[in-house]
Amino acid sequence: MKKSLLETNPYLKDPEMRKKLFRRHVISSSAIEGIHITEEDLERFREERASKDTPKEPTDSNREDND
Protein backbone atom coordinates (compact mmCIF):
# COMPACT_ATOMS: atom_id res chain seq x y z
CA MET A 1 0.00 0.00 0.00
CA LYS A 2 1.17 3.52 -0.79
CA LYS A 3 2.40 5.66 2.15
CA SER A 4 0.32 8.65 3.20
CA LEU A 5 1.50 12.25 2.96
CA LEU A 6 1.83 12.28 6.74
CA GLU A 7 4.39 9.49 6.45
CA THR A 8 6.32 10.88 3.48
CA ASN A 9 6.17 14.69 3.62
CA PRO A 10 8.98 16.00 5.86
CA TYR A 11 6.95 19.11 6.74
CA LEU A 12 4.01 17.05 7.95
CA LYS A 13 6.10 14.57 9.93
CA ASP A 14 7.02 17.26 12.45
CA PRO A 15 3.94 17.95 14.66
CA GLU A 16 4.88 21.60 15.31
CA MET A 17 5.50 22.32 11.63
CA ARG A 18 2.26 20.52 10.69
CA LYS A 19 0.32 22.70 13.15
CA LYS A 20 1.87 25.92 11.79
CA LEU A 21 1.21 24.92 8.18
CA PHE A 22 -2.37 23.92 8.97
CA ARG A 23 -3.06 27.25 10.67
CA ARG A 24 -1.52 29.17 7.76
CA HIS A 25 -3.64 27.14 5.32
CA VAL A 26 -6.85 27.85 7.27
CA ILE A 27 -6.14 31.60 7.39
CA SER A 28 -5.18 31.76 3.71
CA SER A 29 -8.12 29.67 2.49
CA SER A 30 -10.56 31.65 4.62
CA ALA A 31 -9.23 34.94 3.24
CA ILE A 32 -9.78 33.70 -0.31
CA GLU A 33 -13.42 33.09 0.64
CA GLY A 34 -13.68 36.60 2.15
CA ILE A 35 -13.43 35.50 5.77
CA HIS A 36 -10.57 37.31 7.48
CA ILE A 37 -9.38 35.56 10.63
CA THR A 38 -6.20 35.85 12.68
CA GLU A 39 -4.00 33.49 14.66
CA GLU A 40 -5.72 34.85 17.78
CA ASP A 41 -9.14 33.94 16.34
CA LEU A 42 -7.96 30.38 15.72
CA GLU A 43 -6.51 30.08 19.23
CA ARG A 44 -9.73 31.41 20.79
CA PHE A 45 -11.77 28.94 18.72
CA ARG A 46 -9.48 26.08 19.81
CA GLU A 47 -9.86 27.06 23.48
CA GLU A 48 -13.65 27.37 23.21
CA ARG A 49 -13.91 24.02 21.48
CA ALA A 50 -11.67 22.36 24.06
CA SER A 51 -13.81 23.73 26.90
CA LYS A 52 -16.98 22.37 25.23
CA ASP A 53 -15.38 18.95 24.70
CA THR A 54 -14.36 18.69 28.36
CA PRO A 55 -16.92 16.67 30.35
CA LYS A 56 -18.45 18.71 33.11
CA GLU A 57 -19.12 17.48 36.62
CA PRO A 58 -22.83 17.20 37.33
CA THR A 59 -24.24 19.87 39.62
CA ASP A 60 -27.16 19.55 42.02
CA SER A 61 -29.44 21.28 39.51
CA ASN A 62 -28.75 18.83 36.65
CA ARG A 63 -28.05 15.64 38.60
CA GLU A 64 -30.55 12.84 38.13
CA ASP A 65 -31.82 11.19 41.29
CA ASN A 66 -32.23 7.46 40.98
CA ASP A 67 -34.20 6.90 44.22
C-alpha atoms as a PDB file:
ATOM      1  CA  MET A   1       0.000   0.000   0.000  1.00  0.00           C
ATOM      2  CA  LYS A   2       1.174   3.521  -0.786  1.00  0.00           C
ATOM      3  CA  LYS A   3       2.401   5.661   2.152  1.00  0.00           C
ATOM      4  CA  SER A   4       0.319   8.652   3.203  1.00  0.00           C
ATOM      5  CA  LEU A   5       1.503  12.246   2.965  1.00  0.00           C
ATOM      6  CA  LEU A   6       1.827  12.279   6.736  1.00  0.00           C
ATOM      7  CA  GLU A   7       4.389   9.489   6.452  1.00  0.00           C
ATOM      8  CA  THR A   8       6.317  10.880   3.476  1.00  0.00           C
ATOM      9  CA  ASN A   9       6.169  14.686   3.622  1.00  0.00           C
ATOM     10  CA  PRO A  10       8.979  16.002   5.859  1.00  0.00           C
ATOM     11  CA  TYR A  11       6.950  19.113   6.744  1.00  0.00           C
ATOM     12  CA  LEU A  12       4.006  17.047   7.947  1.00  0.00           C
ATOM     13  CA  LYS A  13       6.104  14.572   9.927  1.00  0.00           C
ATOM     14  CA  ASP A  14       7.017  17.257  12.453  1.00  0.00           C
ATOM     15  CA  PRO A  15       3.942  17.948  14.659  1.00  0.00           C
ATOM     16  CA  GLU A  16       4.879  21.601  15.311  1.00  0.00           C
ATOM     17  CA  MET A  17       5.500  22.318  11.632  1.00  0.00           C
ATOM     18  CA  ARG A  18       2.262  20.522  10.695  1.00  0.00           C
ATOM     19  CA  LYS A  19       0.318  22.698  13.151  1.00  0.00           C
ATOM     20  CA  LYS A  20       1.868  25.916  11.792  1.00  0.00           C
ATOM     21  CA  LEU A  21       1.206  24.919   8.183  1.00  0.00           C
ATOM     22  CA  PHE A  22      -2.370  23.920   8.971  1.00  0.00           C
ATOM     23  CA  ARG A  23      -3.061  27.253  10.671  1.00  0.00           C
ATOM     24  CA  ARG A  24      -1.524  29.167   7.755  1.00  0.00           C
ATOM     25  CA  HIS A  25      -3.644  27.142   5.321  1.00  0.00           C
ATOM     26  CA  VAL A  26      -6.852  27.852   7.265  1.00  0.00           C
ATOM     27  CA  ILE A  27      -6.135  31.596   7.392  1.00  0.00           C
ATOM     28  CA  SER A  28      -5.183  31.756   3.706  1.00  0.00           C
ATOM     29  CA  SER A  29      -8.124  29.674   2.489  1.00  0.00           C
ATOM     30  CA  SER A  30     -10.558  31.649   4.622  1.00  0.00           C
ATOM     31  CA  ALA A  31      -9.229  34.941   3.241  1.00  0.00           C
ATOM     32  CA  ILE A  32      -9.775  33.700  -0.314  1.00  0.00           C
ATOM     33  CA  GLU A  33     -13.420  33.091   0.642  1.00  0.00           C
ATOM     34  CA  GLY A  34     -13.676  36.595   2.148  1.00  0.00           C
ATOM     35  CA  ILE A  35     -13.430  35.503   5.775  1.00  0.00           C
ATOM     36  CA  HIS A  36     -10.568  37.305   7.478  1.00  0.00           C
ATOM     37  CA  ILE A  37      -9.384  35.559  10.630  1.00  0.00           C
ATOM     38  CA  THR A  38      -6.204  35.849  12.678  1.00  0.00           C
ATOM     39  CA  GLU A  39      -4.001  33.495  14.661  1.00  0.00           C
ATOM     40  CA  GLU A  40      -5.721  34.853  17.779  1.00  0.00           C
ATOM     41  CA  ASP A  41      -9.137  33.941  16.342  1.00  0.00           C
ATOM     42  CA  LEU A  42      -7.964  30.376  15.723  1.00  0.00           C
ATOM     43  CA  GLU A  43      -6.511  30.083  19.228  1.00  0.00           C
ATOM     44  CA  ARG A  44      -9.727  31.412  20.792  1.00  0.00           C
ATOM     45  CA  PHE A  45     -11.772  28.937  18.720  1.00  0.00           C
ATOM     46  CA  ARG A  46      -9.483  26.078  19.814  1.00  0.00           C
ATOM     47  CA  GLU A  47      -9.865  27.061  23.477  1.00  0.00           C
ATOM     48  CA  GLU A  48     -13.651  27.373  23.214  1.00  0.00           C
ATOM     49  CA  ARG A  49     -13.910  24.018  21.481  1.00  0.00           C
ATOM     50  CA  ALA A  50     -11.674  22.360  24.065  1.00  0.00           C
ATOM     51  CA  SER A  51     -13.815  23.728  26.902  1.00  0.00           C
ATOM     52  CA  LYS A  52     -16.980  22.374  25.232  1.00  0.00           C
ATOM     53  CA  ASP A  53     -15.379  18.955  24.700  1.00  0.00           C
ATOM     54  CA  THR A  54     -14.363  18.687  28.359  1.00  0.00           C
ATOM     55  CA  PRO A  55     -16.918  16.671  30.351  1.00  0.00           C
ATOM     56  CA  LYS A  56     -18.454  18.715  33.106  1.00  0.00           C
ATOM     57  CA  GLU A  57     -19.119  17.483  36.620  1.00  0.00           C
ATOM     58  CA  PRO A  58     -22.833  17.204  37.332  1.00  0.00           C
ATOM     59  CA  THR A  59     -24.239  19.873  39.621  1.00  0.00           C
ATOM     60  CA  ASP A  60     -27.158  19.550  42.021  1.00  0.00           C
ATOM     61  CA  SER A  61     -29.442  21.280  39.509  1.00  0.00           C
ATOM     62  CA  ASN A  62     -28.747  18.830  36.652  1.00  0.00           C
ATOM     63  CA  ARG A  63     -28.054  15.640  38.595  1.00  0.00           C
ATOM     64  CA  GLU A  64     -30.554  12.844  38.133  1.00  0.00           C
ATOM     65  CA  ASP A  65     -31.822  11.190  41.288  1.00  0.00           C
ATOM     66  CA  ASN A  66     -32.234   7.457  40.984  1.00  0.00           C
ATOM     67  CA  ASP A  67     -34.201   6.901  44.224  1.00  0.00           C
END
